[in-house]
Amino acid sequence: MQLWATPRRARGVAGLLRGPPAPPPPVTDPRPPQAMLCLSSQRYLRARPSVRLLLRGFLRELLLQRPDDVLEFAAAYFTQPELPGQIQEELGRPRAVP
């Protein structure tokens, strides 16, 4: 019997001592974690148009008024009592009665 007749047999005793080859690594998503986070964020925003309207309105007012203190402006903008009603109106939903 010739040990070198086939590639499998050519490994000889050293091949037998190493054991079977390691299994291939598990298949993972080829996209980096940042891309997955971006996709997750896009799905979240698409499912919630009110977030888009809130941010669009805030950025519009911020760029029109150009305040020196952006944090104070943001606090005042997002605490307006009429803001939820404005967003509901833009979405085409009836306003909630307080």
PDB file of N, CA and C in Angstrom:
ATOM      1  N   MET A   1       0.832  -1.174   0.000  1.00  0.00           N
ATOM      2  CA  MET A   1       0.000   0.000   0.000  1.00  0.00           C
ATOM      3  C   MET A   1       0.878   1.239   0.000  1.00  0.00           C
ATOM      4  N   GLN A   2       0.517   2.214  -0.861  1.00  0.00           N
ATOM      5  CA  GLN A   2       1.305   3.441  -0.969  1.00  0.00           C
ATOM      6  C   GLN A   2       0.583   4.575  -0.229  1.00  0.00           C
ATOM      7  N   LEU A   3       1.216   5.200   0.712  1.00  0.00           N
ATOM      8  CA  LEU A   3       0.618   6.281   1.479  1.00  0.00           C
ATOM      9  C   LEU A   3       0.512   7.578   0.681  1.00  0.00           C
ATOM     10  N   TRP A   4       1.274   7.729  -0.371  1.00  0.00           N
ATOM     11  CA  TRP A   4       1.293   8.976  -1.140  1.00  0.00           C
ATOM     12  C   TRP A   4       0.471   8.895  -2.416  1.00  0.00           C
ATOM     13  N   ALA A   5      -0.331   7.864  -2.575  1.00  0.00           N
ATOM     14  CA  ALA A   5      -1.083   7.669  -3.818  1.00  0.00           C
ATOM     15  C   ALA A   5      -2.183   8.717  -3.990  1.00  0.00           C
ATOM     16  N   THR A   6      -2.795   9.188  -2.926  1.00  0.00           N
ATOM     17  CA  THR A   6      -3.840  10.210  -3.038  1.00  0.00           C
ATOM     18  C   THR A   6      -3.506  11.337  -2.063  1.00  0.00           C
ATOM     19  N   PRO A   7      -4.066  12.517  -2.279  1.00  0.00           N
ATOM     20  CA  PRO A   7      -3.769  13.630  -1.366  1.00  0.00           C
ATOM     21  C   PRO A   7      -4.153  13.309   0.075  1.00  0.00           C
ATOM     22  N   ARG A   8      -5.241  12.581   0.273  1.00  0.00           N
ATOM     23  CA  ARG A   8      -5.656  12.246   1.630  1.00  0.00           C
ATOM     24  C   ARG A   8      -4.608  11.366   2.307  1.00  0.00           C
ATOM     25  N   ARG A   9      -4.109  10.420   1.564  1.00  0.00           N
ATOM     26  CA  ARG A   9      -3.106   9.515   2.136  1.00  0.00           C
ATOM     27  C   ARG A   9      -1.746  10.178   2.221  1.00  0.00           C
ATOM     28  N   ALA A  10      -1.514  11.211   1.438  1.00  0.00           N
ATOM     29  CA  ALA A  10      -0.213  11.861   1.448  1.00  0.00           C
ATOM     30  C   ALA A  10       0.034  12.568   2.774  1.00  0.00           C
ATOM     31  N   ARG A  11      -1.023  12.855   3.517  1.00  0.00           N
ATOM     32  CA  ARG A  11      -0.847  13.504   4.816  1.00  0.00           C
ATOM     33  C   ARG A  11      -0.141  12.578   5.792  1.00  0.00           C
ATOM     34  N   GLY A  12      -0.316  11.307   5.630  1.00  0.00           N
ATOM     35  CA  GLY A  12       0.365  10.337   6.470  1.00  0.00           C
ATOM     36  C   GLY A  12      -0.025  10.447   7.926  1.00  0.00           C
ATOM     37  N   VAL A  13       0.893  10.126   8.800  1.00  0.00           N
ATOM     38  CA  VAL A  13       0.639  10.097  10.234  1.00  0.00           C
ATOM     39  C   VAL A  13       0.376  11.501  10.758  1.00  0.00           C
ATOM     40  N   ALA A  14       1.038  12.523  10.232  1.00  0.00           N
ATOM     41  CA  ALA A  14       0.855  13.894  10.712  1.00  0.00           C
ATOM     42  C   ALA A  14      -0.591  14.336  10.501  1.00  0.00           C
ATOM     43  N   GLY A  15      -1.185  13.943   9.387  1.00  0.00           N
ATOM     44  CA  GLY A  15      -2.580  14.294   9.123  1.00  0.00           C
ATOM     45  C   GLY A  15      -3.519  13.616  10.096  1.00  0.00           C
ATOM     46  N   LEU A  16      -3.214  12.416  10.481  1.00  0.00           N
ATOM     47  CA  LEU A  16      -4.052  11.699  11.435  1.00  0.00           C
ATOM     48  C   LEU A  16      -3.965  12.308  12.829  1.00  0.00           C
ATOM     49  N   LEU A  17      -2.816  12.832  13.195  1.00  0.00           N
ATOM     50  CA  LEU A  17      -2.637  13.404  14.523  1.00  0.00           C
ATOM     51  C   LEU A  17      -3.353  14.763  14.655  1.00  0.00           C
ATOM     52  N   ARG A  18      -3.467  15.498  13.568  1.00  0.00           N
ATOM     53  CA  ARG A  18      -4.111  16.812  13.623  1.00  0.00           C
ATOM     54  C   ARG A  18      -5.613  16.703  13.801  1.00  0.00           C
ATOM     55  N   GLY A  19      -6.216  15.658  13.391  1.00  0.00           N
ATOM     56  CA  GLY A  19      -7.660  15.491  13.497  1.00  0.00           C
ATOM     57  C   GLY A  19      -8.386  16.137  12.327  1.00  0.00           C
ATOM     58  N   PRO A  20      -9.691  16.182  12.401  1.00  0.00           N
ATOM     59  CA  PRO A  20     -10.464  16.737  11.295  1.00  0.00           C
ATOM     60  C   PRO A  20     -10.253  18.246  11.195  1.00  0.00           C
ATOM     61  N   PRO A  21     -10.471  18.807  10.017  1.00  0.00           N
ATOM     62  CA  PRO A  21     -10.299  20.248   9.862  1.00  0.00           C
ATOM     63  C   PRO A  21     -11.333  21.005  10.693  1.00  0.00           C
ATOM     64  N   ALA A  22     -10.972  22.211  11.068  1.00  0.00           N
ATOM     65  CA  ALA A  22     -11.872  23.039  11.876  1.00  0.00           C
ATOM     66  C   ALA A  22     -13.094  23.424  11.046  1.00  0.00           C
ATOM     67  N   PRO A  23     -14.263  23.545  11.687  1.00  0.00           N
ATOM     68  CA  PRO A  23     -15.450  23.946  10.937  1.00  0.00           C
ATOM     69  C   PRO A  23     -15.310  25.391  10.465  1.00  0.00           C
ATOM     70  N   PRO A  24     -15.979  25.748   9.398  1.00  0.00           N
ATOM     71  CA  PRO A  24     -15.876  27.130   8.909  1.00  0.00           C
ATOM     72  C   PRO A  24     -16.513  28.077   9.924  1.00  0.00           C
ATOM     73  N   PRO A  25     -16.073  29.328   9.930  1.00  0.00           N
ATOM     74  CA  PRO A  25     -16.659  30.283  10.878  1.00  0.00           C
ATOM     75  C   PRO A  25     -18.131  30.512  10.549  1.00  0.00           C
ATOM     76  N   PRO A  26     -18.937  30.874  11.547  1.00  0.00           N
ATOM     77  CA  PRO A  26     -20.360  31.100  11.276  1.00  0.00           C
ATOM     78  C   PRO A  26     -20.555  32.278  10.322  1.00  0.00           C
ATOM     79  N   VAL A  27     -21.578  32.186   9.542  1.00  0.00           N
ATOM     80  CA  VAL A  27     -21.876  33.249   8.582  1.00  0.00           C
ATOM     81  C   VAL A  27     -22.490  34.408   9.360  1.00  0.00           C
ATOM     82  N   THR A  28     -21.897  35.568   9.209  1.00  0.00           N
ATOM     83  CA  THR A  28     -22.406  36.759   9.877  1.00  0.00           C
ATOM     84  C   THR A  28     -22.785  37.787   8.823  1.00  0.00           C
ATOM     85  N   ASP A  29     -23.480  38.798   9.254  1.00  0.00           N
ATOM     86  CA  ASP A  29     -23.874  39.871   8.341  1.00  0.00           C
ATOM     87  C   ASP A  29     -22.610  40.613   7.918  1.00  0.00           C
ATOM     88  N   PRO A  30     -22.377  40.771   6.609  1.00  0.00           N
ATOM     89  CA  PRO A  30     -21.141  41.412   6.156  1.00  0.00           C
ATOM     90  C   PRO A  30     -21.100  42.911   6.427  1.00  0.00           C
ATOM     91  N   ARG A  31     -22.225  43.504   6.808  1.00  0.00           N
ATOM     92  CA  ARG A  31     -22.236  44.946   7.050  1.00  0.00           C
ATOM     93  C   ARG A  31     -21.634  45.262   8.409  1.00  0.00           C
ATOM     94  N   PRO A  32     -20.899  46.375   8.499  1.00  0.00           N
ATOM     95  CA  PRO A  32     -20.330  46.756   9.799  1.00  0.00           C
ATOM     96  C   PRO A  32     -21.430  47.170  10.765  1.00  0.00           C
ATOM     97  N   PRO A  33     -21.147  47.159  12.073  1.00  0.00           N
ATOM     98  CA  PRO A  33     -22.172  47.521  13.062  1.00  0.00           C
ATOM     99  C   PRO A  33     -22.759  48.906  12.837  1.00  0.00           C
ATOM    100  N   GLN A  34     -21.966  49.853  12.322  1.00  0.00           N
ATOM    101  CA  GLN A  34     -22.478  51.192  12.075  1.00  0.00           C
ATOM    102  C   GLN A  34     -23.573  51.154  11.012  1.00  0.00           C
ATOM    103  N   ALA A  35     -23.389  50.332   9.995  1.00  0.00           N
ATOM    104  CA  ALA A  35     -24.396  50.227   8.933  1.00  0.00           C
ATOM    105  C   ALA A  35     -25.668  49.596   9.485  1.00  0.00           C
ATOM    106  N   MET A  36     -25.526  48.623  10.372  1.00  0.00           N
ATOM    107  CA  MET A  36     -26.705  48.002  10.967  1.00  0.00           C
ATOM    108  C   MET A  36     -27.456  49.007  11.832  1.00  0.00           C
ATOM    109  N   LEU A  37     -26.716  49.835  12.576  1.00  0.00           N
ATOM    110  CA  LEU A  37     -27.346  50.860  13.398  1.00  0.00           C
ATOM    111  C   LEU A  37     -28.065  51.867  12.509  1.00  0.00           C
ATOM    112  N   CYS A  38     -27.441  52.224  11.406  1.00  0.00           N
ATOM    113  CA  CYS A  38     -28.056  53.167  10.476  1.00  0.00           C
ATOM    114  C   CYS A  38     -29.347  52.589   9.910  1.00  0.00           C
ATOM    115  N   LEU A  39     -29.333  51.313   9.526  1.00  0.00           N
ATOM    116  CA  LEU A  39     -30.543  50.682   9.003  1.00  0.00           C
ATOM    117  C   LEU A  39     -31.627  50.620  10.063  1.00  0.00           C
ATOM    118  N   SER A  40     -31.233  50.312  11.284  1.00  0.00           N
ATOM    119  CA  SER A  40     -32.188  50.252  12.378  1.00  0.00           C
ATOM    120  C   SER A  40     -32.806  51.631  12.626  1.00  0.00           C
ATOM    121  N   SER A  41     -31.981  52.656  12.585  1.00  0.00           N
ATOM    122  CA  SER A  41     -32.479  54.022  12.778  1.00  0.00           C
ATOM    123  C   SER A  41     -33.419  54.431  11.655  1.00  0.00           C
ATOM    124  N   GLN A  42     -33.081  54.064  10.431  1.00  0.00           N
ATOM    125  CA  GLN A  42     -33.943  54.399   9.293  1.00  0.00           C
ATOM    126  C   GLN A  42     -35.308  53.740   9.434  1.00  0.00           C
ATOM    127  N   ARG A  43     -35.319  52.476   9.835  1.00  0.00           N
ATOM    128  CA  ARG A  43     -36.600  51.782  10.029  1.00  0.00           C
ATOM    129  C   ARG A  43     -37.421  52.459  11.117  1.00  0.00           C
ATOM    130  N   TYR A  44     -36.758  52.842  12.199  1.00  0.00           N
ATOM    131  CA  TYR A  44     -37.451  53.506  13.310  1.00  0.00           C
ATOM    132  C   TYR A  44     -38.068  54.823  12.831  1.00  0.00           C
ATOM    133  N   LEU A  45     -37.295  55.627  12.112  1.00  0.00           N
ATOM    134  CA  LEU A  45     -37.791  56.926  11.664  1.00  0.00           C
ATOM    135  C   LEU A  45     -38.897  56.789  10.614  1.00  0.00           C
ATOM    136  N   ARG A  46     -38.781  55.798   9.738  1.00  0.00           N
ATOM    137  CA  ARG A  46     -39.843  55.591   8.742  1.00  0.00           C
ATOM    138  C   ARG A  46     -41.163  55.206   9.397  1.00  0.00           C
ATOM    139  N   ALA A  47     -41.085  54.483  10.489  1.00  0.00           N
ATOM    140  CA  ALA A  47     -42.293  54.029  11.177  1.00  0.00           C
ATOM    141  C   ALA A  47     -42.907  55.135  12.038  1.00  0.00           C
ATOM    142  N   ARG A  48     -42.166  56.216  12.264  1.00  0.00           N
ATOM    143  CA  ARG A  48     -42.639  57.303  13.125  1.00  0.00           C
ATOM    144  C   ARG A  48     -42.466  58.648  12.425  1.00  0.00           C
ATOM    145  N   PRO A  49     -43.402  59.019  11.554  1.00  0.00           N
ATOM    146  CA  PRO A  49     -43.262  60.287  10.829  1.00  0.00           C
ATOM    147  C   PRO A  49     -43.301  61.500  11.745  1.00  0.00           C
ATOM    148  N   SER A  50     -43.844  61.361  12.938  1.00  0.00           N
ATOM    149  CA  SER A  50     -43.880  62.509  13.857  1.00  0.00           C
ATOM    150  C   SER A  50     -42.468  62.938  14.259  1.00  0.00           C
ATOM    151  N   VAL A  51     -41.522  62.004  14.360  1.00  0.00           N
ATOM    152  CA  VAL A  51     -40.146  62.357  14.712  1.00  0.00           C
ATOM    153  C   VAL A  51     -39.547  63.218  13.611  1.00  0.00           C
ATOM    154  N   ARG A  52     -39.781  62.830  12.370  1.00  0.00           N
ATOM    155  CA  ARG A  52     -39.271  63.598  11.230  1.00  0.00           C
ATOM    156  C   ARG A  52     -39.840  65.010  11.242  1.00  0.00           C
ATOM    157  N   LEU A  53     -41.144  65.134  11.519  1.00  0.00           N
ATOM    158  CA  LEU A  53     -41.773  66.449  11.555  1.00  0.00           C
ATOM    159  C   LEU A  53     -41.227  67.299  12.702  1.00  0.00           C
ATOM    160  N   LEU A  54     -41.031  66.696  13.867  1.00  0.00           N
ATOM    161  CA  LEU A  54     -40.456  67.422  15.003  1.00  0.00           C
ATOM    162  C   LEU A  54     -39.078  67.982  14.666  1.00  0.00           C
ATOM    163  N   LEU A  55     -38.235  67.138  14.120  1.00  0.00           N
ATOM    164  CA  LEU A  55     -36.874  67.563  13.809  1.00  0.00           C
ATOM    165  C   LEU A  55     -36.841  68.573  12.671  1.00  0.00           C
ATOM    166  N   ARG A  56     -37.669  68.370  11.673  1.00  0.00           N
ATOM    167  CA  ARG A  56     -37.716  69.311  10.553  1.00  0.00           C
ATOM    168  C   ARG A  56     -38.156  70.693  11.037  1.00  0.00           C
ATOM    169  N   GLY A  57     -39.203  70.736  11.859  1.00  0.00           N
ATOM    170  CA  GLY A  57     -39.670  72.011  12.382  1.00  0.00           C
ATOM    171  C   GLY A  57     -38.629  72.692  13.253  1.00  0.00           C
ATOM    172  N   PHE A  58     -37.980  71.907  14.103  1.00  0.00           N
ATOM    173  CA  PHE A  58     -36.943  72.472  14.974  1.00  0.00           C
ATOM    174  C   PHE A  58     -35.796  73.046  14.148  1.00  0.00           C
ATOM    175  N   LEU A  59     -35.307  72.289  13.179  1.00  0.00           N
ATOM    176  CA  LEU A  59     -34.189  72.774  12.363  1.00  0.00           C
ATOM    177  C   LEU A  59     -34.580  73.994  11.532  1.00  0.00           C
ATOM    178  N   ARG A  60     -35.802  74.006  11.026  1.00  0.00           N
ATOM    179  CA  ARG A  60     -36.270  75.162  10.259  1.00  0.00           C
ATOM    180  C   ARG A  60     -36.229  76.423  11.126  1.00  0.00           C
ATOM    181  N   GLU A  61     -36.801  76.338  12.330  1.00  0.00           N
ATOM    182  CA  GLU A  61     -36.825  77.502  13.221  1.00  0.00           C
ATOM    183  C   GLU A  61     -35.416  77.877  13.691  1.00  0.00           C
ATOM    184  N   LEU A  62     -34.594  76.894  13.948  1.00  0.00           N
ATOM    185  CA  LEU A  62     -33.223  77.150  14.385  1.00  0.00           C
ATOM    186  C   LEU A  62     -32.460  77.928  13.323  1.00  0.00           C
ATOM    187  N   LEU A  63     -32.592  77.504  12.068  1.00  0.00           N
ATOM    188  CA  LEU A  63     -31.861  78.176  10.993  1.00  0.00           C
ATOM    189  C   LEU A  63     -32.457  79.531  10.639  1.00  0.00           C
ATOM    190  N   LEU A  64     -33.751  79.705  10.834  1.00  0.00           N
ATOM    191  CA  LEU A  64     -34.363  81.013  10.576  1.00  0.00           C
ATOM    192  C   LEU A  64     -33.976  82.024  11.658  1.00  0.00           C
ATOM    193  N   GLN A  65     -34.016  81.585  12.910  1.00  0.00           N
ATOM    194  CA  GLN A  65     -33.774  82.512  14.019  1.00  0.00           C
ATOM    195  C   GLN A  65     -32.295  82.629  14.405  1.00  0.00           C
ATOM    196  N   ARG A  66     -31.514  81.602  14.159  1.00  0.00           N
ATOM    197  CA  ARG A  66     -30.078  81.561  14.463  1.00  0.00           C
ATOM    198  C   ARG A  66     -29.762  82.105  15.865  1.00  0.00           C
ATOM    199  N   PRO A  67     -30.280  81.463  16.899  1.00  0.00           N
ATOM    200  CA  PRO A  67     -30.040  81.963  18.263  1.00  0.00           C
ATOM    201  C   PRO A  67     -28.589  81.734  18.695  1.00  0.00           C
ATOM    202  N   ASP A  68     -28.135  82.569  19.599  1.00  0.00           N
ATOM    203  CA  ASP A  68     -26.780  82.399  20.136  1.00  0.00           C
ATOM    204  C   ASP A  68     -26.712  81.186  21.062  1.00  0.00           C
ATOM    205  N   ASP A  69     -27.748  80.982  21.856  1.00  0.00           N
ATOM    206  CA  ASP A  69     -27.787  79.856  22.792  1.00  0.00           C
ATOM    207  C   ASP A  69     -28.719  78.777  22.241  1.00  0.00           C
ATOM    208  N   VAL A  70     -28.136  77.824  21.553  1.00  0.00           N
ATOM    209  CA  VAL A  70     -28.923  76.775  20.896  1.00  0.00           C
ATOM    210  C   VAL A  70     -29.627  75.889  21.925  1.00  0.00           C
ATOM    211  N   LEU A  71     -28.979  75.592  23.032  1.00  0.00           N
ATOM    212  CA  LEU A  71     -29.595  74.729  24.043  1.00  0.00           C
ATOM    213  C   LEU A  71     -30.832  75.383  24.641  1.00  0.00           C
ATOM    214  N   GLU A  72     -30.753  76.661  24.922  1.00  0.00           N
ATOM    215  CA  GLU A  72     -31.909  77.370  25.467  1.00  0.00           C
ATOM    216  C   GLU A  72     -33.041  77.416  24.440  1.00  0.00           C
ATOM    217  N   PHE A  73     -32.670  77.650  23.190  1.00  0.00           N
ATOM    218  CA  PHE A  73     -33.665  77.676  22.117  1.00  0.00           C
ATOM    219  C   PHE A  73     -34.348  76.317  21.987  1.00  0.00           C
ATOM    220  N   ALA A  74     -33.555  75.242  22.021  1.00  0.00           N
ATOM    221  CA  ALA A  74     -34.118  73.885  21.899  1.00  0.00           C
ATOM    222  C   ALA A  74     -35.063  73.588  23.053  1.00  0.00           C
ATOM    223  N   ALA A  75     -34.665  73.974  24.269  1.00  0.00           N
ATOM    224  CA  ALA A  75     -35.530  73.736  25.427  1.00  0.00           C
ATOM    225  C   ALA A  75     -36.854  74.469  25.266  1.00  0.00           C
ATOM    226  N   ALA A  76     -36.788  75.712  24.807  1.00  0.00           N
ATOM    227  CA  ALA A  76     -38.013  76.492  24.620  1.00  0.00           C
ATOM    228  C   ALA A  76     -38.860  75.906  23.493  1.00  0.00           C
ATOM    229  N   TYR A  77     -38.217  75.473  22.418  1.00  0.00           N
ATOM    230  CA  TYR A  77     -38.960  74.943  21.267  1.00  0.00           C
ATOM    231  C   TYR A  77     -39.702  73.657  21.642  1.00  0.00           C
ATOM    232  N   PHE A  78     -39.024  72.737  22.290  1.00  0.00           N
ATOM    233  CA  PHE A  78     -39.620  71.434  22.563  1.00  0.00           C
ATOM    234  C   PHE A  78     -40.568  71.427  23.765  1.00  0.00           C
ATOM    235  N   THR A  79     -40.631  72.525  24.512  1.00  0.00           N
ATOM    236  CA  THR A  79     -41.571  72.593  25.632  1.00  0.00           C
ATOM    237  C   THR A  79     -42.778  73.469  25.323  1.00  0.00           C
ATOM    238  N   GLN A  80     -42.945  73.869  24.066  1.00  0.00           N
ATOM    239  CA  GLN A  80     -44.124  74.640  23.678  1.00  0.00           C
ATOM    240  C   GLN A  80     -45.380  73.789  23.900  1.00  0.00           C
ATOM    241  N   PRO A  81     -46.382  74.318  24.593  1.00  0.00           N
ATOM    242  CA  PRO A  81     -47.590  73.520  24.826  1.00  0.00           C
ATOM    243  C   PRO A  81     -48.349  73.186  23.542  1.00  0.00           C
ATOM    244  N   GLU A  82     -48.233  74.022  22.525  1.00  0.00           N
ATOM    245  CA  GLU A  82     -48.983  73.778  21.295  1.00  0.00           C
ATOM    246  C   GLU A  82     -48.251  72.862  20.302  1.00  0.00           C
ATOM    247  N   LEU A  83     -47.017  72.486  20.594  1.00  0.00           N
ATOM    248  CA  LEU A  83     -46.232  71.662  19.665  1.00  0.00           C
ATOM    249  C   LEU A  83     -46.879  70.308  19.357  1.00  0.00           C
ATOM    250  N   PRO A  84     -47.357  69.535  20.337  1.00  0.00           N
ATOM    251  CA  PRO A  84     -47.992  68.250  19.990  1.00  0.00           C
ATOM    252  C   PRO A  84     -49.193  68.426  19.049  1.00  0.00           C
ATOM    253  N   GLY A  85     -49.992  69.454  19.285  1.00  0.00           N
ATOM    254  CA  GLY A  85     -51.138  69.703  18.412  1.00  0.00           C
ATOM    255  C   GLY A  85     -50.718  70.059  16.997  1.00  0.00           C
ATOM    256  N   GLN A  86     -49.642  70.842  16.865  1.00  0.00           N
ATOM    257  CA  GLN A  86     -49.136  71.199  15.534  1.00  0.00           C
ATOM    258  C   GLN A  86     -48.669  69.959  14.781  1.00  0.00           C
ATOM    259  N   ILE A  87     -47.991  69.077  15.468  1.00  0.00           N
ATOM    260  CA  ILE A  87     -47.500  67.849  14.825  1.00  0.00           C
ATOM    261  C   ILE A  87     -48.680  66.975  14.417  1.00  0.00           C
ATOM    262  N   GLN A  88     -49.669  66.829  15.294  1.00  0.00           N
ATOM    263  CA  GLN A  88     -50.856  66.038  14.961  1.00  0.00           C
ATOM    264  C   GLN A  88     -51.561  66.618  13.736  1.00  0.00           C
ATOM    265  N   GLU A  89     -51.630  67.936  13.675  1.00  0.00           N
ATOM    266  CA  GLU A  89     -52.282  68.592  12.547  1.00  0.00           C
ATOM    267  C   GLU A  89     -51.517  68.325  11.250  1.00  0.00           C
ATOM    268  N   GLU A  90     -50.208  68.417  11.308  1.00  0.00           N
ATOM    269  CA  GLU A  90     -49.377  68.166  10.112  1.00  0.00           C
ATOM    270  C   GLU A  90     -49.494  66.707   9.656  1.00  0.00           C
ATOM    271  N   LEU A  91     -49.696  65.814  10.610  1.00  0.00           N
ATOM    272  CA  LEU A  91     -49.863  64.396  10.264  1.00  0.00           C
ATOM    273  C   LEU A  91     -51.245  64.110   9.713  1.00  0.00           C
ATOM    274  N   GLY A  92     -52.155  65.075   9.846  1.00  0.00           N
ATOM    275  CA  GLY A  92     -53.503  64.889   9.349  1.00  0.00           C
ATOM    276  C   GLY A  92     -54.409  64.196  10.337  1.00  0.00           C
ATOM    277  N   ARG A  93     -54.036  64.192  11.601  1.00  0.00           N
ATOM    278  CA  ARG A  93     -54.838  63.572  12.641  1.00  0.00           C
ATOM    279  C   ARG A  93     -55.577  64.668  13.416  1.00  0.00           C
ATOM    280  N   PRO A  94     -56.720  64.368  13.938  1.00  0.00           N
ATOM    281  CA  PRO A  94     -57.409  65.357  14.754  1.00  0.00           C
ATOM    282  C   PRO A  94     -56.619  65.640  16.038  1.00  0.00           C
ATOM    283  N   ARG A  95     -56.682  66.872  16.493  1.00  0.00           N
ATOM    284  CA  ARG A  95     -55.982  67.231  17.718  1.00  0.00           C
ATOM    285  C   ARG A  95     -56.631  66.573  18.931  1.00  0.00           C
ATOM    286  N   ALA A  96     -55.797  66.157  19.851  1.00  0.00           N
ATOM    287  CA  ALA A  96     -56.309  65.578  21.095  1.00  0.00           C
ATOM    288  C   ALA A  96     -56.838  66.697  21.978  1.00  0.00           C
ATOM    289  N   VAL A  97     -57.970  66.489  22.565  1.00  0.00           N
ATOM    290  CA  VAL A  97     -58.552  67.494  23.450  1.00  0.00           C
ATOM    291  C   VAL A  97     -57.965  67.317  24.837  1.00  0.00           C
ATOM    292  N   PRO A  98     -57.331  68.402  25.395  1.00  0.00           N
ATOM    293  CA  PRO A  98     -56.708  68.266  26.720  1.00  0.00           C
ATOM    294  C   PRO A  98     -57.726  68.177  27.828  1.00  0.00           C
TER     295      PRO A  98
END
